[in-house]
Protein backbone atom coordinates (compact mmCIF):
# COMPACT_ATOMS: atom_id res chain seq x y z
CA MET A 1 0.61 -50.90 -6.32
CA THR A 2 -0.04 -48.32 -9.04
CA ILE A 3 -2.20 -48.17 -12.13
CA LYS A 4 -0.39 -47.51 -15.38
CA LEU A 5 -2.47 -45.74 -18.00
CA GLU A 6 -1.11 -45.66 -21.51
CA SER A 7 -3.86 -43.50 -23.01
CA SER A 8 -2.87 -40.24 -24.63
CA THR A 9 -5.44 -38.44 -22.47
CA HIS A 10 -3.81 -39.60 -19.27
CA ALA A 11 -0.37 -38.67 -20.58
CA ARG A 12 -1.57 -35.17 -21.45
CA ILE A 13 -3.19 -34.69 -18.04
CA ILE A 14 -0.07 -35.73 -16.13
CA GLY A 15 2.25 -33.84 -18.48
CA VAL A 16 0.28 -30.58 -18.27
CA LEU A 17 -0.09 -30.94 -14.49
CA SER A 18 3.68 -31.48 -14.10
CA VAL A 19 4.61 -28.43 -16.20
CA CYS A 20 2.00 -26.19 -14.56
CA THR A 21 3.09 -27.29 -11.09
CA LEU A 22 6.77 -26.61 -11.76
CA VAL A 23 6.11 -23.19 -13.34
CA THR A 24 3.79 -22.19 -10.50
CA ILE A 25 6.31 -23.21 -7.84
CA LEU A 26 9.10 -21.24 -9.53
CA ILE A 27 6.91 -18.15 -9.89
CA VAL A 28 5.69 -18.27 -6.29
CA GLY A 29 9.17 -19.00 -4.97
CA LEU A 30 11.04 -16.31 -6.90
CA TRP A 31 8.50 -13.53 -7.37
CA PRO A 32 9.07 -10.59 -7.96
CA PHE A 33 12.36 -11.75 -9.59
CA GLN A 34 14.16 -8.49 -8.67
CA ALA A 35 14.56 -5.97 -5.86
CA PRO A 36 11.54 -3.64 -5.71
CA LEU A 37 11.92 0.12 -5.66
CA ASN A 38 12.83 1.47 -2.23
CA ASP A 39 9.51 2.61 -0.77
CA VAL A 40 10.79 5.62 1.20
CA SER A 41 9.46 9.14 0.64
CA TRP A 42 9.69 12.56 2.26
CA LEU A 43 6.72 13.85 4.23
CA ASP A 44 4.75 16.76 2.79
CA ASN A 45 5.43 20.16 4.38
CA GLU A 46 7.13 18.73 7.48
CA ASN A 47 10.35 17.05 8.52
CA GLY A 48 10.51 13.29 8.27
CA LEU A 49 10.43 10.22 6.07
CA ARG A 50 7.61 7.80 5.36
CA PHE A 51 8.47 4.08 5.09
CA GLY A 52 6.17 2.00 2.92
CA HIS A 53 5.90 -1.75 2.37
CA HIS A 54 9.56 -2.26 1.40
CA GLY A 55 11.76 0.64 2.45
CA SER A 56 15.10 1.07 4.23
CA LEU A 57 18.00 3.48 4.79
CA LEU A 58 21.68 2.82 5.45
CA SER A 59 24.42 4.86 7.11
CA SER A 60 27.26 5.64 4.72
CA SER A 61 29.90 4.50 7.23
CA ALA A 62 30.11 2.19 10.24
CA PHE A 63 29.84 3.40 13.82
CA ARG A 64 32.63 2.29 16.15
CA PRO A 65 32.97 2.14 19.95
CA ARG A 66 34.41 5.39 21.33
CA SER A 67 36.47 3.79 24.08
CA ALA A 68 38.43 0.63 24.68
CA GLU A 69 36.07 -0.23 27.55
CA ASN A 70 33.23 -2.17 26.04
CA THR A 71 30.46 -1.26 28.47
CA GLY A 72 27.70 -1.08 25.86
CA ALA A 73 26.64 2.30 27.27
CA GLY A 74 24.73 4.67 25.03
CA THR A 75 21.40 6.37 24.34
CA LEU A 76 19.11 6.35 21.35
CA GLU A 77 16.37 8.92 20.78
CA VAL A 78 13.88 8.67 17.93
CA TRP A 79 10.60 10.33 16.89
CA LEU A 80 8.25 7.65 15.55
CA GLU A 81 4.78 7.37 14.17
CA THR A 82 3.69 3.79 13.64
CA ILE A 83 0.87 2.14 11.71
CA PRO A 84 -0.79 -1.23 12.38
CA GLN A 85 1.16 -4.08 10.82
CA LYS A 86 1.32 -7.84 11.11
CA GLY A 87 4.00 -9.53 13.21
CA ARG A 88 7.37 -8.22 14.31
CA ARG A 89 9.02 -5.51 12.27
CA THR A 90 12.47 -3.98 12.73
CA ILE A 91 12.42 -0.21 13.15
CA LEU A 92 16.21 0.11 13.22
CA ALA A 93 19.25 -2.04 13.87
CA PHE A 94 23.04 -2.04 13.76
CA GLU A 95 24.93 -4.64 11.76
CA GLY A 96 27.80 -5.07 14.29
CA LEU A 97 31.50 -5.03 13.52
CA ASP A 98 32.39 -8.72 13.76
CA ARG A 99 29.20 -10.06 12.07
CA SER A 100 28.48 -12.23 15.14
CA GLY A 101 24.94 -10.91 15.23
CA VAL A 102 22.93 -7.72 15.48
CA PRO A 103 24.18 -5.95 18.65
CA PHE A 104 21.15 -3.70 19.03
CA SER A 105 17.73 -3.44 17.42
CA LEU A 106 14.43 -1.70 18.00
CA GLN A 107 11.32 -3.58 16.87
CA GLN A 108 7.54 -3.19 16.73
CA ASN A 109 4.95 -5.90 17.30
CA GLY A 110 1.47 -4.41 17.23
CA ASP A 111 1.60 -1.57 19.73
CA THR A 112 4.49 -3.20 21.63
CA LEU A 113 8.04 -1.82 21.54
CA ILE A 114 10.78 -4.48 21.67
CA VAL A 115 14.43 -3.77 22.53
CA GLN A 116 17.11 -6.36 21.76
CA ARG A 117 20.76 -6.28 22.87
CA HIS A 118 23.55 -8.75 22.31
CA ASN A 119 25.46 -9.93 25.36
CA VAL A 120 28.17 -12.51 26.03
CA ASP A 121 27.81 -15.06 28.84
CA GLU A 122 30.58 -16.47 31.04
CA ASN A 123 31.35 -19.13 28.39
CA GLY A 124 31.86 -16.56 25.65
CA THR A 125 28.58 -17.44 23.91
CA TYR A 126 26.65 -14.62 22.25
CA ARG A 127 23.06 -14.33 23.37
CA THR A 128 20.22 -11.90 22.77
CA ALA A 129 18.68 -10.07 25.71
CA GLU A 130 15.17 -8.84 24.97
CA PHE A 131 12.42 -6.99 26.74
CA SER A 132 9.23 -5.30 25.61
CA VAL A 133 6.97 -2.39 26.54
CA ALA A 134 3.31 -3.05 25.74
CA GLY A 135 1.26 -0.08 24.52
CA ALA A 136 4.35 2.01 23.81
CA LEU A 137 3.56 2.50 20.11
CA PRO A 138 -0.06 3.57 19.59
CA ALA A 139 -1.02 3.59 15.91
CA LYS A 140 -0.86 6.88 13.98
CA LYS A 141 0.43 8.83 16.97
CA GLN A 142 3.88 10.39 17.16
CA VAL A 143 5.95 9.14 20.09
CA PHE A 144 9.37 10.26 21.34
CA VAL A 145 11.23 7.07 22.31
CA ALA A 146 14.49 7.15 24.26
CA VAL A 147 16.43 3.99 25.13
CA THR A 148 19.34 4.34 27.59
CA LEU A 149 21.91 1.57 27.88
CA GLU A 150 24.29 0.64 30.66
CA SER A 151 26.50 -2.40 31.06
CA GLN A 152 23.70 -4.52 32.56
CA GLU A 153 20.68 -2.25 32.42
CA THR A 154 18.33 -0.99 29.72
CA SER A 155 15.70 1.73 30.26
CA VAL A 156 12.93 2.99 28.00
CA TYR A 157 11.46 6.50 28.14
CA LEU A 158 8.32 7.59 26.31
CA ASN A 159 7.75 11.31 25.71
CA GLY A 160 10.38 12.18 28.32
CA GLY A 161 9.14 9.86 31.10
CA LEU A 162 10.69 6.60 32.30
CA VAL A 163 8.34 3.63 31.71
CA LYS A 164 10.49 0.53 32.17
CA THR A 165 13.96 -0.66 33.21
CA SER A 166 15.31 -4.16 32.59
CA GLN A 167 18.44 -6.00 33.73
CA ILE A 168 20.55 -8.15 31.40
CA GLN A 169 23.07 -10.84 32.29
CA GLY A 170 26.64 -11.13 31.02
CA LYS A 171 28.89 -8.68 29.26
CA PRO A 172 27.11 -6.50 26.65
CA ALA A 173 28.28 -6.11 23.09
CA SER A 174 29.01 -2.66 21.65
CA SER A 175 25.42 -1.62 21.00
CA PHE A 176 25.90 1.13 18.39
CA ALA A 177 28.46 -0.65 16.24
CA GLY A 178 28.61 -1.12 12.49
CA ARG A 179 26.38 0.49 9.92
CA LEU A 180 22.93 1.62 10.94
CA VAL A 181 19.94 0.23 9.02
CA LEU A 182 16.73 2.19 9.41
CA GLY A 183 13.41 0.57 8.53
CA ASN A 184 14.68 -3.00 8.17
CA SER A 185 16.86 -5.75 9.61
CA PRO A 186 20.49 -6.05 8.42
CA SER A 187 20.15 -9.79 7.77
CA ALA A 188 16.59 -10.49 6.57
CA SER A 189 13.63 -8.81 4.93
CA ASP A 190 11.82 -7.43 7.97
CA SER A 191 10.75 -4.04 6.68
CA TRP A 192 8.87 -1.68 8.98
CA SER A 193 6.18 0.79 7.89
CA GLY A 194 5.70 4.15 9.56
CA GLN A 195 7.27 7.60 9.87
CA VAL A 196 10.53 8.84 11.38
CA ALA A 197 10.93 12.56 12.13
CA GLY A 198 14.18 12.58 14.13
CA LEU A 199 16.98 10.34 15.37
CA ALA A 200 19.93 10.94 17.70
CA LEU A 201 22.59 8.69 19.25
CA TYR A 202 24.84 9.34 22.24
CA GLY A 203 27.94 7.49 23.38
CA ARG A 204 26.85 7.42 27.03
CA ARG A 205 23.72 6.80 29.07
CA LEU A 206 21.73 10.01 29.51
CA GLU A 207 20.17 10.77 32.87
CA ALA A 208 16.40 11.05 33.29
CA ALA A 209 16.55 14.86 33.49
CA GLU A 210 18.53 15.01 30.25
CA VAL A 211 16.04 12.77 28.43
CA SER A 212 13.17 14.97 29.65
CA ARG A 213 14.96 18.11 28.49
CA HIS A 214 15.68 16.59 25.09
CA TYR A 215 12.01 15.72 24.67
CA GLU A 216 11.07 19.34 25.32
CA ASN A 217 13.70 20.56 22.83
CA TRP A 218 12.56 18.12 20.15
CA THR A 219 8.95 19.14 20.74
CA LYS A 220 9.56 22.90 20.60
CA ASN A 221 12.45 23.16 18.12
CA LEU A 222 12.18 19.88 16.14
CA GLN A 223 15.81 19.13 17.04
CA PRO A 224 17.95 18.32 20.07
CA ALA A 225 19.94 21.05 21.81
CA LEU A 226 23.37 19.45 21.51
CA THR A 227 25.66 20.46 24.37
CA HIS A 228 29.30 19.70 25.09
CA GLY A 229 29.84 16.59 27.18
CA GLU A 230 26.67 14.71 26.22
CA GLY A 231 28.65 12.51 23.84
CA ALA A 232 26.48 13.02 20.78
CA ILE A 233 27.33 10.63 17.94
CA THR A 234 24.59 11.51 15.48
CA ALA A 235 21.66 13.85 15.05
CA TYR A 236 19.43 13.31 12.04
CA LEU A 237 16.76 16.02 11.71
CA PHE A 238 15.19 14.72 8.46
CA ALA A 239 14.78 18.34 7.39
CA GLU A 240 16.10 17.96 3.83
CA ARG A 241 12.59 17.28 2.44
CA GLY A 242 14.07 15.92 -0.78
CA GLY A 243 16.99 14.02 -2.26
CA ARG A 244 18.57 10.73 -1.23
CA VAL A 245 20.71 11.83 1.74
CA VAL A 246 19.79 12.51 5.37
CA HIS A 247 22.62 14.58 6.84
CA ASN A 248 24.22 13.83 10.18
CA GLN A 249 24.51 17.10 12.10
CA VAL A 250 27.45 15.75 14.15
CA ASP A 251 29.56 13.73 11.70
CA ALA A 252 29.07 14.08 7.95
CA ALA A 253 30.86 10.77 7.39
CA ALA A 254 27.83 8.97 8.83
CA ASP A 255 25.05 10.44 6.69
CA LEU A 256 22.07 8.22 5.91
CA THR A 257 21.53 7.29 2.28
CA ILE A 258 18.30 6.25 0.56
CA PRO A 259 19.14 3.60 -2.07
CA ALA A 260 17.04 3.52 -5.22
CA ARG A 261 16.00 -0.08 -4.57
CA TYR A 262 15.04 -2.00 -1.48
CA PHE A 263 17.90 -4.02 0.01
CA VAL A 264 18.98 -6.37 2.78
CA LEU A 265 22.49 -5.48 3.92
CA HIS A 266 23.71 -9.00 4.70
CA PRO A 267 21.15 -11.49 3.36
CA GLU A 268 21.31 -14.92 4.95
CA PHE A 269 22.21 -17.91 2.81
CA LEU A 270 20.45 -21.16 3.71
CA SER A 271 20.00 -20.13 7.33
CA VAL A 272 19.63 -22.96 9.82
CA PRO A 273 16.12 -23.81 11.12
CA TRP A 274 16.60 -22.88 14.79
CA GLN A 275 17.46 -19.29 13.89
CA HIS A 276 13.91 -18.68 12.68
CA TYR A 277 11.85 -20.93 14.91
CA HIS A 278 9.04 -19.16 16.77
CA PRO A 279 6.24 -21.08 18.55
CA THR A 280 3.59 -19.03 16.80
CA TRP A 281 0.63 -19.79 14.56
CA SER A 282 2.16 -17.87 11.64
CA TYR A 283 5.38 -19.93 11.79
CA TRP A 284 3.50 -23.24 11.58
CA ALA A 285 1.13 -21.85 8.94
CA ASP A 286 4.11 -20.96 6.74
CA ALA A 287 5.57 -24.45 7.25
CA ALA A 288 2.24 -26.04 6.27
CA ILE A 289 2.05 -23.90 3.12
CA ASN A 290 5.56 -24.98 2.13
CA VAL A 291 4.63 -28.64 2.58
CA ALA A 292 1.34 -28.29 0.69
CA GLY A 293 2.97 -26.43 -2.20
CA PHE A 294 5.21 -29.38 -3.02
CA ILE A 295 2.62 -32.13 -2.56
CA THR A 296 1.31 -31.40 -6.05
CA PHE A 297 4.89 -31.41 -7.34
CA GLY A 298 5.53 -34.89 -5.91
CA PHE A 299 2.16 -36.17 -7.10
CA SER A 300 2.48 -34.96 -10.71
CA ILE A 301 6.19 -35.68 -11.26
CA PHE A 302 5.95 -39.15 -9.76
CA GLY A 303 2.82 -39.78 -11.84
CA TYR A 304 4.71 -38.79 -14.98
CA PHE A 305 7.72 -41.00 -14.23
CA SER A 306 5.72 -43.99 -13.04
CA SER A 307 2.85 -44.15 -15.53
CA VAL A 308 3.74 -42.07 -18.61
CA ARG A 309 7.50 -42.20 -19.12
CA THR A 310 8.42 -45.10 -16.86
CA ILE A 311 11.84 -45.04 -15.19
CA ARG A 312 13.39 -47.13 -12.44
CA ASN A 313 13.35 -45.82 -8.86
CA SER A 314 10.83 -43.16 -9.87
CA ALA A 315 9.87 -42.40 -6.24
CA ALA A 316 13.45 -41.71 -5.15
CA ILE A 317 14.14 -39.67 -8.28
CA THR A 318 10.98 -37.59 -7.75
CA ILE A 319 11.92 -36.80 -4.15
CA ALA A 320 15.45 -35.90 -5.28
CA LEU A 321 14.01 -33.56 -7.93
CA GLY A 322 11.86 -31.94 -5.25
CA LEU A 323 14.97 -31.37 -3.15
CA ILE A 324 16.91 -29.97 -6.13
CA THR A 325 14.04 -27.68 -7.15
CA SER A 326 13.69 -26.38 -3.60
CA LEU A 327 17.47 -25.90 -3.31
CA THR A 328 17.51 -23.94 -6.57
CA ILE A 329 14.77 -21.65 -5.26
CA GLU A 330 16.43 -21.15 -1.85
CA VAL A 331 19.83 -20.35 -3.40
CA SER A 332 18.19 -17.86 -5.78
CA GLN A 333 16.24 -16.26 -2.93
CA ALA A 334 19.53 -15.22 -1.31
CA PHE A 335 19.80 -12.64 -4.11
CA LEU A 336 16.22 -11.37 -3.72
CA PRO A 337 15.84 -8.94 -0.79
CA THR A 338 12.13 -9.65 -0.31
CA ARG A 339 12.72 -13.40 0.15
CA ASP A 340 14.51 -15.42 2.84
CA SER A 341 16.91 -18.26 2.03
CA GLY A 342 16.60 -21.00 4.65
CA VAL A 343 17.02 -24.71 5.27
CA ASN A 344 13.54 -24.70 6.83
CA ASP A 345 11.91 -24.44 3.41
CA LEU A 346 14.28 -27.05 1.99
CA ILE A 347 13.09 -29.55 4.59
CA THR A 348 9.37 -28.77 4.33
CA ASN A 349 9.41 -28.75 0.52
CA THR A 350 11.10 -32.16 0.42
CA ILE A 351 8.57 -33.55 2.92
CA GLY A 352 5.77 -32.21 0.71
CA THR A 353 7.27 -33.96 -2.32
CA ALA A 354 7.43 -37.27 -0.43
CA ILE A 355 3.79 -36.91 0.65
CA GLY A 356 2.82 -36.27 -2.99
CA VAL A 357 4.53 -39.50 -4.02
CA MET A 358 2.68 -41.45 -1.35
CA LEU A 359 -0.63 -39.91 -2.38
CA TYR A 360 -0.16 -40.91 -6.02
CA ARG A 361 0.52 -44.49 -4.90
CA SER A 362 -2.78 -44.65 -3.01
CA SER A 363 -5.41 -46.76 -4.78
CA TRP A 364 -8.31 -44.32 -4.29
CA LEU A 365 -6.38 -41.47 -5.96
CA GLN A 366 -5.40 -43.78 -8.79
CA THR A 367 -9.08 -44.53 -9.32
CA LEU A 368 -9.90 -40.83 -9.20
CA VAL A 369 -7.28 -40.02 -11.87
CA SER A 370 -8.60 -42.83 -14.06
CA ARG A 371 -12.17 -41.56 -13.81
CA ALA A 372 -11.06 -37.99 -14.53
CA ALA A 373 -9.33 -39.18 -17.70
CA SER A 374 -12.42 -41.07 -18.82
CA LEU A 375 -14.64 -38.03 -18.28
CA ILE A 376 -12.32 -35.77 -20.29
CA ALA A 377 -11.92 -38.13 -23.26
CA PRO A 378 -13.99 -41.33 -22.93
CA SER A 379 -13.42 -44.14 -25.35
CA PRO A 380 -16.28 -45.09 -27.74
CA SER A 381 -17.19 -47.99 -25.49
CA GLY A 382 -17.19 -45.74 -22.44
CA THR A 383 -14.18 -47.48 -20.87
CA ILE A 384 -10.60 -46.44 -20.38
CA GLU A 385 -8.31 -47.97 -22.90
CA ASN A 386 -4.97 -49.62 -22.22
CA VAL A 387 -5.23 -49.83 -18.47
CA GLU A 388 -2.42 -51.85 -16.94
CA VAL A 389 -2.22 -52.68 -13.25
CA GLY A 390 1.17 -53.50 -11.82
CA SER A 391 3.63 -52.67 -9.10
CA GLN A 392 6.00 -49.76 -9.56
CA ILE A 393 9.01 -49.23 -7.35
């Protein structure tokens, strides 16, 4: 049961509401309409780079396993200074060679350091092994982080001392494989803010004494003392203090480049819901916002089609338009590095549209709309003109 109002005032209200809702949704969904400038800058009077709100670096070539034996062994050393930030952020990650997933990443969540490695179980299924070290990343304090990798073991050292070792199951993937992304994830906008003053990679697991010695060298000389047999792959000193290239002291083919604009190396296109599900308050808050944003869309568009420019099956057509509008936004977001293209939003937006349709059909909201129209432009007799009550399907 709906109320059909033929008055010009009602038509204007619904028409303006429909246009404003559509424009607002498109602006919110596609802002800022282009890739922002890459927010990476050199530190003043010292070695290192500062990563702002949207900043990332990319190695100019892909790293490849050094032996046919895929043991996943290696070591990463990095000088970091973090700042407080909301949620998980990717400090660095490798894209992988077969695009089956990110083989290795280092992340920050508050003051917690998170290490992720890809491994393959007995059925050949890729899985992500993860462990964390709470308190490893105090805000605004430089920390020397070393992560050593073995076939089924991962260890984390802070400032030269071992703090945690974790076991993983299954066969590990080649950890340092593919291009290196610094300050962001290879597949989604997950930019990290902070400072990096040094980075080195090794093709084997360093012993505890070697990690301790490297920490002393980095501290005294601001660089590692590279020796024969340690299997060094890269050493980035961040000593250029200008320009758009960070030189690799071991292999010039793997220099780091600073693009002019922020980027996501392999943006996801309509990613499936279970890839992004996290049982957290922020996840459900985002889902609720997506639903609420399209309730007004369903309400106003259905109101227009059912009481101003009447068409058959207006409810189904309105929900279909909500789906098409959401799909248009999600497809476009795949080309915007600050946005994520996912089926999650497609589902929640369509649900929001359907709720908006149901709300417009409710009698109390119909009465509210009628009264609002009479207050804006009452008829001389103080009543609403041309009010027609009837069913609308």
